[in-house]
C-alpha atoms as a PDB file:
ATOM      1  CA  MET A   1     122.437  32.318 119.358  1.00  0.00           C
ATOM      2  CA  ARG A   2     118.837  31.135 119.713  1.00  0.00           C
ATOM      3  CA  TYR A   3     116.223  33.711 120.653  1.00  0.00           C
ATOM      4  CA  VAL A   4     113.339  32.655 123.000  1.00  0.00           C
ATOM      5  CA  ILE A   5     110.725  35.439 123.106  1.00  0.00           C
ATOM      6  CA  TYR A   6     108.712  35.127 126.294  1.00  0.00           C
ATOM      7  CA  GLY A   7     105.565  37.176 125.773  1.00  0.00           C
ATOM      8  CA  ALA A   8     104.769  37.263 121.911  1.00  0.00           C
ATOM      9  CA  GLY A   9     102.510  40.399 122.103  1.00  0.00           C
ATOM     10  CA  ALA A  10     103.176  43.508 120.114  1.00  0.00           C
ATOM     11  CA  ILE A  11     106.829  43.978 120.976  1.00  0.00           C
ATOM     12  CA  GLY A  12     107.723  40.417 121.464  1.00  0.00           C
ATOM     13  CA  ALA A  13     106.226  39.268 117.990  1.00  0.00           C
ATOM     14  CA  THR A  14     107.734  42.290 116.347  1.00  0.00           C
ATOM     15  CA  LEU A  15     111.073  41.186 117.560  1.00  0.00           C
ATOM     16  CA  GLY A  16     110.459  37.550 116.840  1.00  0.00           C
ATOM     17  CA  ALA A  17     109.291  38.181 113.470  1.00  0.00           C
ATOM     18  CA  SER A  18     112.088  40.342 112.392  1.00  0.00           C
ATOM     19  CA  LEU A  19     114.737  38.052 113.698  1.00  0.00           C
ATOM     20  CA  HIS A  20     113.001  34.942 112.231  1.00  0.00           C
ATOM     21  CA  VAL A  21     112.609  36.457 108.799  1.00  0.00           C
ATOM     22  CA  SER A  22     116.352  37.432 108.912  1.00  0.00           C
ATOM     23  CA  GLY A  23     117.265  33.676 109.458  1.00  0.00           C
ATOM     24  CA  HIS A  24     117.779  33.582 113.222  1.00  0.00           C
ATOM     25  CA  GLU A  25     116.403  30.745 115.231  1.00  0.00           C
ATOM     26  CA  VAL A  26     113.479  32.010 117.196  1.00  0.00           C
ATOM     27  CA  VAL A  27     110.839  30.434 119.458  1.00  0.00           C
ATOM     28  CA  LEU A  28     107.731  32.307 120.725  1.00  0.00           C
ATOM     29  CA  ILE A  29     106.227  31.714 124.180  1.00  0.00           C
ATOM     30  CA  ALA A  30     102.629  32.623 123.950  1.00  0.00           C
ATOM     31  CA  ARG A  31      99.362  31.726 125.863  1.00  0.00           C
ATOM     32  CA  GLY A  32      95.621  31.354 125.468  1.00  0.00           C
ATOM     33  CA  ALA A  33      93.817  32.219 122.321  1.00  0.00           C
ATOM     34  CA  HIS A  34      97.011  33.922 120.937  1.00  0.00           C
ATOM     35  CA  TYR A  35      99.017  30.778 121.260  1.00  0.00           C
ATOM     36  CA  ASP A  36      96.192  28.741 119.662  1.00  0.00           C
ATOM     37  CA  ALA A  37      96.145  31.117 116.662  1.00  0.00           C
ATOM     38  CA  LEU A  38      99.978  31.096 116.222  1.00  0.00           C
ATOM     39  CA  ALA A  39     100.193  27.390 116.549  1.00  0.00           C
ATOM     40  CA  LYS A  40      97.400  26.809 114.016  1.00  0.00           C
ATOM     41  CA  SER A  41      97.973  29.448 111.427  1.00  0.00           C
ATOM     42  CA  GLY A  42     101.352  31.266 112.300  1.00  0.00           C
ATOM     43  CA  LEU A  43     101.773  34.901 112.990  1.00  0.00           C
ATOM     44  CA  SER A  44      99.973  37.611 110.681  1.00  0.00           C
ATOM     45  CA  PHE A  45     102.607  40.349 110.838  1.00  0.00           C
ATOM     46  CA  THR A  46     101.584  43.630 109.211  1.00  0.00           C
ATOM     47  CA  THR A  47     104.201  46.311 108.480  1.00  0.00           C
ATOM     48  CA  VAL A  48     104.093  49.547 106.346  1.00  0.00           C
ATOM     49  CA  GLU A  49     105.161  47.216 103.439  1.00  0.00           C
ATOM     50  CA  GLY A  50     102.240  44.803 103.790  1.00  0.00           C
ATOM     51  CA  THR A  51     101.136  41.602 105.669  1.00  0.00           C
ATOM     52  CA  LEU A  52     103.116  38.378 106.088  1.00  0.00           C
ATOM     53  CA  GLN A  53     101.872  35.017 107.388  1.00  0.00           C
ATOM     54  CA  ILE A  54     104.945  33.909 109.252  1.00  0.00           C
ATOM     55  CA  ASP A  55     105.269  30.300 110.559  1.00  0.00           C
ATOM     56  CA  ILE A  56     107.440  30.682 113.672  1.00  0.00           C
ATOM     57  CA  PRO A  57     107.892  27.846 116.338  1.00  0.00           C
ATOM     58  CA  VAL A  58     105.707  28.563 119.306  1.00  0.00           C
ATOM     59  CA  VAL A  59     105.095  26.983 122.645  1.00  0.00           C
ATOM     60  CA  ASP A  60     102.566  27.641 125.462  1.00  0.00           C
ATOM     61  CA  HIS A  61     105.019  27.266 128.335  1.00  0.00           C
ATOM     62  CA  PRO A  62     108.691  27.858 128.893  1.00  0.00           C
ATOM     63  CA  SER A  63     109.323  24.279 129.954  1.00  0.00           C
ATOM     64  CA  LYS A  64     108.442  23.295 126.291  1.00  0.00           C
ATOM     65  CA  ALA A  65     111.102  25.539 124.788  1.00  0.00           C
ATOM     66  CA  GLY A  66     114.027  23.215 125.467  1.00  0.00           C
ATOM     67  CA  LEU A  67     115.946  26.095 127.170  1.00  0.00           C
ATOM     68  CA  SER A  68     119.767  25.541 127.338  1.00  0.00           C
ATOM     69  CA  HIS A  69     123.125  27.331 127.722  1.00  0.00           C
ATOM     70  CA  GLY A  70     123.597  29.851 125.161  1.00  0.00           C
ATOM     71  CA  ASP A  71     119.845  30.805 124.746  1.00  0.00           C
ATOM     72  CA  VAL A  72     118.779  34.536 124.944  1.00  0.00           C
ATOM     73  CA  VAL A  73     115.331  34.838 126.655  1.00  0.00           C
ATOM     74  CA  LEU A  74     113.742  38.235 125.710  1.00  0.00           C
ATOM     75  CA  LEU A  75     111.054  39.030 128.232  1.00  0.00           C
ATOM     76  CA  ALA A  76     108.413  41.071 126.354  1.00  0.00           C
ATOM     77  CA  MET A  77     105.399  40.608 128.752  1.00  0.00           C
ATOM     78  CA  LYS A  78     103.796  43.526 130.788  1.00  0.00           C
ATOM     79  CA  GLY A  79     105.662  44.596 133.965  1.00  0.00           C
ATOM     80  CA  GLN A  80     102.840  43.211 136.191  1.00  0.00           C
ATOM     81  CA  ASP A  81     103.489  39.743 134.865  1.00  0.00           C
ATOM     82  CA  SER A  82     107.227  39.716 135.189  1.00  0.00           C
ATOM     83  CA  VAL A  83     107.658  38.143 138.610  1.00  0.00           C
ATOM     84  CA  GLY A  84     105.323  35.199 137.863  1.00  0.00           C
ATOM     85  CA  ALA A  85     106.993  34.695 134.498  1.00  0.00           C
ATOM     86  CA  LEU A  86     110.538  34.806 135.968  1.00  0.00           C
ATOM     87  CA  GLN A  87     109.603  32.394 138.797  1.00  0.00           C
ATOM     88  CA  THR A  88     108.197  29.984 136.070  1.00  0.00           C
ATOM     89  CA  LEU A  89     111.323  30.423 134.060  1.00  0.00           C
ATOM     90  CA  SER A  90     113.643  29.536 136.860  1.00  0.00           C
ATOM     91  CA  THR A  91     112.109  26.186 137.280  1.00  0.00           C
ATOM     92  CA  CYS A  92     113.013  25.150 133.543  1.00  0.00           C
ATOM     93  CA  ALA A  93     115.855  27.337 132.445  1.00  0.00           C
ATOM     94  CA  PRO A  94     119.652  27.067 133.312  1.00  0.00           C
ATOM     95  CA  GLN A  95     121.302  29.869 135.260  1.00  0.00           C
ATOM     96  CA  SER A  96     123.410  30.423 132.134  1.00  0.00           C
ATOM     97  CA  VAL A  97     120.717  31.746 129.976  1.00  0.00           C
ATOM     98  CA  GLU A  98     120.918  35.485 129.042  1.00  0.00           C
ATOM     99  CA  ILE A  99     117.790  37.496 130.219  1.00  0.00           C
ATOM    100  CA  VAL A 100     116.809  40.547 128.228  1.00  0.00           C
ATOM    101  CA  CYS A 101     114.221  42.812 129.507  1.00  0.00           C
ATOM    102  CA  ALA A 102     112.544  44.292 126.481  1.00  0.00           C
ATOM    103  CA  GLN A 103     109.744  45.907 128.766  1.00  0.00           C
ATOM    104  CA  ASN A 104     108.709  49.395 129.981  1.00  0.00           C
ATOM    105  CA  GLY A 105     109.457  50.441 133.363  1.00  0.00           C
ATOM    106  CA  VAL A 106     112.638  49.957 135.422  1.00  0.00           C
ATOM    107  CA  ASP A 107     111.855  47.227 137.900  1.00  0.00           C
ATOM    108  CA  ASN A 108     111.903  44.224 135.623  1.00  0.00           C
ATOM    109  CA  GLU A 109     115.677  44.157 135.727  1.00  0.00           C
ATOM    110  CA  ARG A 110     115.783  43.882 139.431  1.00  0.00           C
ATOM    111  CA  SER A 111     113.326  41.106 139.559  1.00  0.00           C
ATOM    112  CA  ALA A 112     115.202  39.156 136.846  1.00  0.00           C
ATOM    113  CA  LEU A 113     118.545  39.701 138.814  1.00  0.00           C
ATOM    114  CA  ARG A 114     117.132  37.990 141.829  1.00  0.00           C
ATOM    115  CA  LEU A 115     116.864  34.679 139.842  1.00  0.00           C
ATOM    116  CA  PHE A 116     119.343  34.934 137.167  1.00  0.00           C
ATOM    117  CA  PRO A 117     122.851  36.325 136.938  1.00  0.00           C
ATOM    118  CA  HIS A 118     123.088  37.487 133.446  1.00  0.00           C
ATOM    119  CA  VAL A 119     120.619  40.182 132.984  1.00  0.00           C
ATOM    120  CA  HIS A 120     120.294  42.947 130.190  1.00  0.00           C
ATOM    121  CA  ALA A 121     118.150  46.005 129.912  1.00  0.00           C
ATOM    122  CA  MET A 122     116.573  46.985 126.644  1.00  0.00           C
ATOM    123  CA  CYS A 123     115.104  50.388 125.985  1.00  0.00           C
ATOM    124  CA  VAL A 124     112.403  49.815 123.497  1.00  0.00           C
ATOM    125  CA  LEU A 125     110.918  52.589 121.077  1.00  0.00           C
ATOM    126  CA  CYS A 126     108.650  50.545 118.809  1.00  0.00           C
ATOM    127  CA  PRO A 127     105.099  51.469 117.757  1.00  0.00           C
ATOM    128  CA  ALA A 128     103.224  48.269 117.502  1.00  0.00           C
ATOM    129  CA  THR A 129      99.750  46.823 118.077  1.00  0.00           C
ATOM    130  CA  HIS A 130      98.315  43.557 119.161  1.00  0.00           C
ATOM    131  CA  LEU A 131      94.586  43.407 119.530  1.00  0.00           C
ATOM    132  CA  ALA A 132      93.540  40.086 117.988  1.00  0.00           C
ATOM    133  CA  PRO A 133      94.874  36.592 118.533  1.00  0.00           C
ATOM    134  CA  GLY A 134      97.582  35.684 116.081  1.00  0.00           C
ATOM    135  CA  GLU A 135      97.869  39.253 114.655  1.00  0.00           C
ATOM    136  CA  VAL A 136     100.439  42.004 115.232  1.00  0.00           C
ATOM    137  CA  ILE A 137     101.067  45.220 113.422  1.00  0.00           C
ATOM    138  CA  ALA A 138     104.416  47.097 113.414  1.00  0.00           C
ATOM    139  CA  HIS A 139     103.726  50.750 112.497  1.00  0.00           C
ATOM    140  CA  SER A 140     107.110  51.895 111.628  1.00  0.00           C
ATOM    141  CA  GLY A 141     109.120  51.218 108.619  1.00  0.00           C
ATOM    142  CA  PRO A 142     111.529  50.230 107.130  1.00  0.00           C
ATOM    143  CA  ILE A 143     113.121  50.494 110.636  1.00  0.00           C
ATOM    144  CA  ARG A 144     110.622  48.881 112.999  1.00  0.00           C
ATOM    145  CA  GLY A 145     111.926  50.276 116.186  1.00  0.00           C
ATOM    146  CA  VAL A 146     114.892  51.103 118.388  1.00  0.00           C
ATOM    147  CA  PHE A 147     116.032  48.391 120.632  1.00  0.00           C
ATOM    148  CA  ASP A 148     119.231  49.658 122.433  1.00  0.00           C
ATOM    149  CA  LEU A 149     120.523  47.533 125.318  1.00  0.00           C
ATOM    150  CA  GLY A 150     123.185  46.964 127.753  1.00  0.00           C
ATOM    151  CA  ARG A 151     124.051  44.781 130.875  1.00  0.00           C
ATOM    152  CA  PHE A 152     122.130  45.591 134.172  1.00  0.00           C
ATOM    153  CA  PRO A 153     122.926  47.582 136.083  1.00  0.00           C
ATOM    154  CA  SER A 154     125.579  49.051 133.690  1.00  0.00           C
ATOM    155  CA  GLY A 155     128.305  48.077 131.182  1.00  0.00           C
ATOM    156  CA  THR A 156     128.087  45.980 128.028  1.00  0.00           C
ATOM    157  CA  ASP A 157     129.452  42.608 126.977  1.00  0.00           C
ATOM    158  CA  GLY A 158     129.765  40.400 123.894  1.00  0.00           C
ATOM    159  CA  VAL A 159     126.277  39.174 124.229  1.00  0.00           C
ATOM    160  CA  ASP A 160     124.896  42.969 123.969  1.00  0.00           C
ATOM    161  CA  GLU A 161     127.067  43.403 120.930  1.00  0.00           C
ATOM    162  CA  GLN A 162     125.825  40.263 119.292  1.00  0.00           C
ATOM    163  CA  ILE A 163     122.146  41.026 119.875  1.00  0.00           C
ATOM    164  CA  ALA A 164     122.570  44.472 118.605  1.00  0.00           C
ATOM    165  CA  ALA A 165     124.280  43.296 115.507  1.00  0.00           C
ATOM    166  CA  ASP A 166     121.518  40.663 114.877  1.00  0.00           C
ATOM    167  CA  LEU A 167     118.655  43.181 115.428  1.00  0.00           C
ATOM    168  CA  SER A 168     120.462  45.848 113.271  1.00  0.00           C
ATOM    169  CA  ALA A 169     120.437  43.370 110.405  1.00  0.00           C
ATOM    170  CA  SER A 170     116.782  42.496 111.039  1.00  0.00           C
ATOM    171  CA  ASN A 171     115.047  45.984 110.033  1.00  0.00           C
ATOM    172  CA  CYS A 172     115.604  47.196 113.638  1.00  0.00           C
ATOM    173  CA  ALA A 173     118.007  49.865 115.133  1.00  0.00           C
ATOM    174  CA  SER A 174     120.018  48.671 118.118  1.00  0.00           C
ATOM    175  CA  GLN A 175     123.315  49.541 119.947  1.00  0.00           C
ATOM    176  CA  ALA A 176     124.971  48.349 122.970  1.00  0.00           C
ATOM    177  CA  ARG A 177     124.964  51.068 125.633  1.00  0.00           C
ATOM    178  CA  PRO A 178     126.863  50.922 128.953  1.00  0.00           C
ATOM    179  CA  ASP A 179     124.404  53.576 130.514  1.00  0.00           C
ATOM    180  CA  ILE A 180     121.222  51.837 129.313  1.00  0.00           C
ATOM    181  CA  MET A 181     119.173  52.572 132.446  1.00  0.00           C
ATOM    182  CA  SER A 182     119.526  56.324 131.987  1.00  0.00           C
ATOM    183  CA  TRP A 183     117.786  55.596 128.674  1.00  0.00           C
ATOM    184  CA  LYS A 184     115.176  53.424 130.401  1.00  0.00           C
ATOM    185  CA  TYR A 185     114.506  56.192 132.916  1.00  0.00           C
ATOM    186  CA  ALA A 186     114.129  58.817 129.966  1.00  0.00           C
ATOM    187  CA  LYS A 187     111.534  56.245 128.532  1.00  0.00           C
ATOM    188  CA  LEU A 188     109.894  55.990 131.889  1.00  0.00           C
ATOM    189  CA  LEU A 189     109.181  59.910 131.915  1.00  0.00           C
ATOM    190  CA  ARG A 190     107.539  59.395 128.479  1.00  0.00           C
ATOM    191  CA  ASN A 191     105.449  56.321 129.516  1.00  0.00           C
ATOM    192  CA  LEU A 192     103.801  58.314 132.291  1.00  0.00           C
ATOM    193  CA  ALA A 193     101.298  59.588 129.695  1.00  0.00           C
ATOM    194  CA  ASN A 194     100.105  56.123 128.716  1.00  0.00           C
ATOM    195  CA  ALA A 195      97.683  56.340 131.439  1.00  0.00           C
ATOM    196  CA  THR A 196      96.227  59.685 130.183  1.00  0.00           C
ATOM    197  CA  GLU A 197      96.115  58.274 126.592  1.00  0.00           C
ATOM    198  CA  ALA A 198      94.276  55.193 127.750  1.00  0.00           C
ATOM    199  CA  LEU A 199      91.827  56.873 130.138  1.00  0.00           C
ATOM    200  CA  PHE A 200      90.954  60.128 128.472  1.00  0.00           C
ATOM    201  CA  THR A 201      90.938  59.433 124.837  1.00  0.00           C
ATOM    202  CA  ALA A 202      89.550  56.752 122.364  1.00  0.00           C
ATOM    203  CA  THR A 203      90.967  58.378 119.353  1.00  0.00           C
ATOM    204  CA  ASP A 204      94.213  58.509 117.335  1.00  0.00           C
ATOM    205  CA  LEU A 205      97.505  59.498 118.748  1.00  0.00           C
ATOM    206  CA  SER A 206      98.759  62.968 118.412  1.00  0.00           C
ATOM    207  CA  ASP A 207     102.145  62.128 119.805  1.00  0.00           C
ATOM    208  CA  SER A 208     104.713  60.951 117.111  1.00  0.00           C
ATOM    209  CA  SER A 209     107.506  59.474 119.378  1.00  0.00           C
ATOM    210  CA  GLY A 210     105.944  55.967 119.382  1.00  0.00           C
ATOM    211  CA  SER A 211     106.323  55.968 123.155  1.00  0.00           C
ATOM    212  CA  GLY A 212     102.606  55.587 123.979  1.00  0.00           C
ATOM    213  CA  SER A 213     102.420  59.157 125.196  1.00  0.00           C
ATOM    214  CA  GLY A 214     100.075  61.834 124.482  1.00  0.00           C
ATOM    215  CA  GLY A 215      96.662  61.643 122.849  1.00  0.00           C
ATOM    216  CA  SER A 216      94.052  63.925 121.125  1.00  0.00           C
ATOM    217  CA  GLY A 217      90.443  63.986 119.892  1.00  0.00           C
ATOM    218  CA  ALA A 218      87.040  63.534 121.614  1.00  0.00           C
ATOM    219  CA  GLY A 219      86.032  60.961 124.186  1.00  0.00           C
ATOM    220  CA  GLY A 220      87.313  62.185 127.645  1.00  0.00           C
ATOM    221  CA  GLY A 221      87.959  65.897 128.390  1.00  0.00           C
ATOM    222  CA  GLY A 222      89.785  68.587 126.419  1.00  0.00           C
ATOM    223  CA  ALA A 223      93.307  68.173 125.170  1.00  0.00           C
ATOM    224  CA  ASP A 224      94.426  71.160 127.414  1.00  0.00           C
ATOM    225  CA  ALA A 225      93.350  69.170 130.394  1.00  0.00           C
ATOM    226  CA  LYS A 226      95.023  66.016 129.341  1.00  0.00           C
ATOM    227  CA  SER A 227      98.203  68.001 128.546  1.00  0.00           C
ATOM    228  CA  GLU A 228      98.225  69.546 131.992  1.00  0.00           C
ATOM    229  CA  ILE A 229      97.801  66.314 133.765  1.00  0.00           C
ATOM    230  CA  THR A 230     100.729  64.840 131.642  1.00  0.00           C
ATOM    231  CA  ALA A 231     102.841  67.867 132.325  1.00  0.00           C
ATOM    232  CA  ARG A 232     102.115  67.636 136.129  1.00  0.00           C
ATOM    233  CA  ALA A 233     102.834  64.021 136.254  1.00  0.00           C
ATOM    234  CA  LYS A 234     106.185  64.577 134.579  1.00  0.00           C
ATOM    235  CA  ALA A 235     107.216  67.347 136.956  1.00  0.00           C
ATOM    236  CA  GLU A 236     106.415  65.078 139.954  1.00  0.00           C
ATOM    237  CA  ALA A 237     108.497  62.324 138.238  1.00  0.00           C
ATOM    238  CA  VAL A 238     111.444  64.671 137.619  1.00  0.00           C
ATOM    239  CA  ALA A 239     111.503  65.762 141.210  1.00  0.00           C
ATOM    240  CA  CYS A 240     111.483  62.189 142.395  1.00  0.00           C
ATOM    241  CA  LEU A 241     114.327  61.035 140.047  1.00  0.00           C
ATOM    242  CA  ALA A 242     116.304  64.088 140.968  1.00  0.00           C
ATOM    243  CA  GLY A 243     116.010  63.136 144.731  1.00  0.00           C
ATOM    244  CA  ALA A 244     116.934  59.584 144.146  1.00  0.00           C
ATOM    245  CA  GLY A 245     120.071  60.544 142.282  1.00  0.00           C
ATOM    246  CA  VAL A 246     118.861  59.366 138.833  1.00  0.00           C
ATOM    247  CA  VAL A 247     119.916  61.189 135.768  1.00  0.00           C
ATOM    248  CA  PRO A 248     117.952  60.189 132.539  1.00  0.00           C
ATOM    249  CA  ILE A 249     119.264  60.721 129.222  1.00  0.00           C
ATOM    250  CA  ASP A 250     118.278  64.484 128.194  1.00  0.00           C
ATOM    251  CA  ASP A 251     115.740  65.162 125.682  1.00  0.00           C
ATOM    252  CA  ALA A 252     117.953  66.447 122.930  1.00  0.00           C
ATOM    253  CA  THR A 253     120.035  63.178 123.051  1.00  0.00           C
ATOM    254  CA  TRP A 254     116.800  61.015 123.006  1.00  0.00           C
ATOM    255  CA  ALA A 255     115.283  62.749 120.153  1.00  0.00           C
ATOM    256  CA  GLU A 256     118.572  62.706 118.112  1.00  0.00           C
ATOM    257  CA  ARG A 257     118.852  58.918 118.689  1.00  0.00           C
ATOM    258  CA  HIS A 258     115.362  58.251 117.538  1.00  0.00           C
ATOM    259  CA  ARG A 259     115.615  60.734 114.518  1.00  0.00           C
ATOM    260  CA  VAL A 260     118.822  58.947 113.315  1.00  0.00           C
ATOM    261  CA  ALA A 261     117.013  55.616 113.574  1.00  0.00           C
ATOM    262  CA  HIS A 262     114.364  57.020 111.197  1.00  0.00           C
ATOM    263  CA  VAL A 263     111.348  55.431 113.069  1.00  0.00           C
ATOM    264  CA  THR A 264     108.322  56.587 111.163  1.00  0.00           C
ATOM    265  CA  PRO A 265     106.075  58.951 113.194  1.00  0.00           C
ATOM    266  CA  ALA A 266     102.662  57.293 113.969  1.00  0.00           C
ATOM    267  CA  THR A 267     100.926  60.436 112.656  1.00  0.00           C
ATOM    268  CA  GLU A 268     102.495  59.785 109.123  1.00  0.00           C
ATOM    269  CA  LEU A 269     100.917  56.499 108.877  1.00  0.00           C
ATOM    270  CA  THR A 270      97.643  55.524 107.059  1.00  0.00           C
ATOM    271  CA  GLY A 271      95.351  52.598 106.730  1.00  0.00           C
ATOM    272  CA  ALA A 272      96.256  49.343 108.362  1.00  0.00           C
ATOM    273  CA  ALA A 273      99.549  50.739 109.676  1.00  0.00           C
ATOM    274  CA  ARG A 274      97.652  53.583 111.428  1.00  0.00           C
ATOM    275  CA  ARG A 275      98.312  53.158 115.155  1.00  0.00           C
ATOM    276  CA  GLN A 276      95.278  53.687 117.592  1.00  0.00           C
ATOM    277  CA  GLY A 277      96.968  53.604 120.987  1.00  0.00           C
ATOM    278  CA  GLY A 278      99.932  52.545 123.046  1.00  0.00           C
ATOM    279  CA  SER A 279     100.546  49.609 125.343  1.00  0.00           C
ATOM    280  CA  THR A 280      98.126  50.558 128.237  1.00  0.00           C
ATOM    281  CA  TRP A 281      95.417  51.572 125.594  1.00  0.00           C
ATOM    282  CA  GLN A 282      95.767  48.158 124.072  1.00  0.00           C
ATOM    283  CA  SER A 283      95.352  46.408 127.414  1.00  0.00           C
ATOM    284  CA  LEU A 284      92.167  48.107 127.995  1.00  0.00           C
ATOM    285  CA  ALA A 285      90.937  47.426 124.398  1.00  0.00           C
ATOM    286  CA  ARG A 286      91.644  43.782 124.801  1.00  0.00           C
ATOM    287  CA  GLY A 287      89.856  43.819 128.259  1.00  0.00           C
ATOM    288  CA  THR A 288      92.993  41.867 129.902  1.00  0.00           C
ATOM    289  CA  GLY A 289      91.891  43.048 133.406  1.00  0.00           C
ATOM    290  CA  ALA A 290      95.222  44.610 134.192  1.00  0.00           C
ATOM    291  CA  VAL A 291      97.591  47.304 133.038  1.00  0.00           C
ATOM    292  CA  GLU A 292     101.280  48.060 133.768  1.00  0.00           C
ATOM    293  CA  THR A 293     100.622  51.408 135.383  1.00  0.00           C
ATOM    294  CA  ASP A 294     101.845  50.270 138.749  1.00  0.00           C
ATOM    295  CA  TYR A 295     105.303  49.936 137.141  1.00  0.00           C
ATOM    296  CA  LEU A 296     105.004  53.340 135.299  1.00  0.00           C
ATOM    297  CA  ASN A 297     103.304  55.916 137.218  1.00  0.00           C
ATOM    298  CA  GLY A 298     103.435  53.499 140.342  1.00  0.00           C
ATOM    299  CA  GLU A 299     107.239  53.641 140.094  1.00  0.00           C
ATOM    300  CA  ILE A 300     107.055  57.607 140.696  1.00  0.00           C
ATOM    301  CA  VAL A 301     104.636  57.033 143.437  1.00  0.00           C
ATOM    302  CA  LEU A 302     107.041  54.587 145.207  1.00  0.00           C
ATOM    303  CA  LEU A 303     109.981  56.999 144.701  1.00  0.00           C
ATOM    304  CA  GLY A 304     107.929  59.860 146.135  1.00  0.00           C
ATOM    305  CA  ARG A 305     106.818  57.822 149.330  1.00  0.00           C
ATOM    306  CA  LEU A 306     110.337  56.824 149.888  1.00  0.00           C
ATOM    307  CA  GLN A 307     111.585  60.399 149.740  1.00  0.00           C
ATOM    308  CA  GLY A 308     108.667  62.184 151.215  1.00  0.00           C
ATOM    309  CA  ILE A 309     107.813  63.944 147.841  1.00  0.00           C
ATOM    310  CA  ALA A 310     104.148  64.362 147.140  1.00  0.00           C
ATOM    311  CA  THR A 311     102.951  62.606 143.795  1.00  0.00           C
ATOM    312  CA  PRO A 312      99.145  63.345 143.628  1.00  0.00           C
ATOM    313  CA  VAL A 313      98.820  63.278 139.964  1.00  0.00           C
ATOM    314  CA  ASN A 314     100.746  59.842 139.407  1.00  0.00           C
ATOM    315  CA  GLU A 315      98.700  58.396 142.344  1.00  0.00           C
ATOM    316  CA  LEU A 316      95.503  59.534 140.689  1.00  0.00           C
ATOM    317  CA  LEU A 317      96.611  58.051 137.315  1.00  0.00           C
ATOM    318  CA  GLN A 318      97.635  54.832 138.882  1.00  0.00           C
ATOM    319  CA  ARG A 319      94.200  54.418 140.751  1.00  0.00           C
ATOM    320  CA  LEU A 320      92.061  55.313 137.731  1.00  0.00           C
ATOM    321  CA  SER A 321      93.943  52.942 135.530  1.00  0.00           C
ATOM    322  CA  THR A 322      93.535  50.013 137.848  1.00  0.00           C
ATOM    323  CA  GLU A 323      90.018  50.817 138.273  1.00  0.00           C
ATOM    324  CA  ALA A 324      89.413  51.029 134.484  1.00  0.00           C
ATOM    325  CA  ALA A 325      91.260  47.712 133.965  1.00  0.00           C
ATOM    326  CA  ARG A 326      89.149  45.896 136.447  1.00  0.00           C
ATOM    327  CA  ALA A 327      85.879  47.189 135.235  1.00  0.00           C
ATOM    328  CA  GLY A 328      86.693  45.881 131.832  1.00  0.00           C
ATOM    329  CA  GLY A 329      85.561  48.800 129.787  1.00  0.00           C
ATOM    330  CA  PRO A 330      87.195  50.216 126.649  1.00  0.00           C
ATOM    331  CA  PRO A 331      89.730  53.107 126.628  1.00  0.00           C
ATOM    332  CA  GLY A 332      88.671  56.654 126.687  1.00  0.00           C
ATOM    333  CA  GLN A 333      85.905  56.420 129.074  1.00  0.00           C
ATOM    334  CA  LEU A 334      86.868  59.089 131.563  1.00  0.00           C
ATOM    335  CA  SER A 335      86.896  62.862 131.575  1.00  0.00           C
ATOM    336  CA  ALA A 336      90.357  64.564 131.900  1.00  0.00           C
ATOM    337  CA  ASP A 337      88.552  67.724 132.996  1.00  0.00           C
ATOM    338  CA  ASP A 338      86.895  65.801 135.848  1.00  0.00           C
ATOM    339  CA  ALA A 339      90.294  64.197 136.739  1.00  0.00           C
ATOM    340  CA  LEU A 340      91.839  67.780 136.757  1.00  0.00           C
ATOM    341  CA  ALA A 341      89.156  69.069 139.128  1.00  0.00           C
ATOM    342  CA  GLN A 342      89.883  66.281 141.460  1.00  0.00           C
ATOM    343  CA  LEU A 343      93.494  67.371 141.663  1.00  0.00           C
ATOM    344  CA  GLY A 344      92.468  70.838 142.359  1.00  0.00           C
END
């Protein structure tokens, strides 16, 4: 089984490096300056144990990966890039490839299933950072993250079992789960705070879940204001999911799974392994010009509009995140108190 990692950022490179070091055949697909650095010098992969310079095969376009039957394509780009990436993939990959959506949000799988018949959902809990070309930091160890998966929309098969076994033997925790989308909806609830972290703070995380939620410190309004915005965004989401008949995994089950996996809390890390911010924070820090908020808070906005449920907090976070990304400024430039005042 060959692993083709499409999107070699924080999550993709962590998966690729972990599998490659364990002896699995891996190809990364990267772009721009990140591809140039990987092709020239390999991947600088920092973990709590130290830094490795890893020479992993890398290409700058899916057509150069030689995709064939039996390959597993792990999608690890941000949600806003999924449709374009999948359309490109469909021009050079056989229908028999296995597509695994190792991404935040719950819409990537639907997009993939439009073009490929074998689609798997992966629920990722992996604190990792990609800010500089050719460099990725995995902040948890010795287990680098939880990567549970299953077929979309439900069920499991031998491919899920094999991927879970390969990851479990590669310093990762992974199980095949027939109800994987319930786990991804539970992750979505936690990812709603990615926007508040990115917009309202430029300091270290206070949240130890590794989900990119929460935030503390100076820079953009008080912790109480951020906490209230986050709580109100989640309350809107819970109402929308209930109205849509979606039942996420409960908090106790979620916590137990990730406790058993022994993922090191970000707050316990120091030095190079210390994590500054989650995926949306990193997008603003890199100045990419886009964030995945449309597929996180925006998913709740969509569900609310479909059902006639008001979602003013998630709408505001979605708008502010888009504006911040287009402006190109660093994270932590807005006041949570001002945002709370806008909400009334």
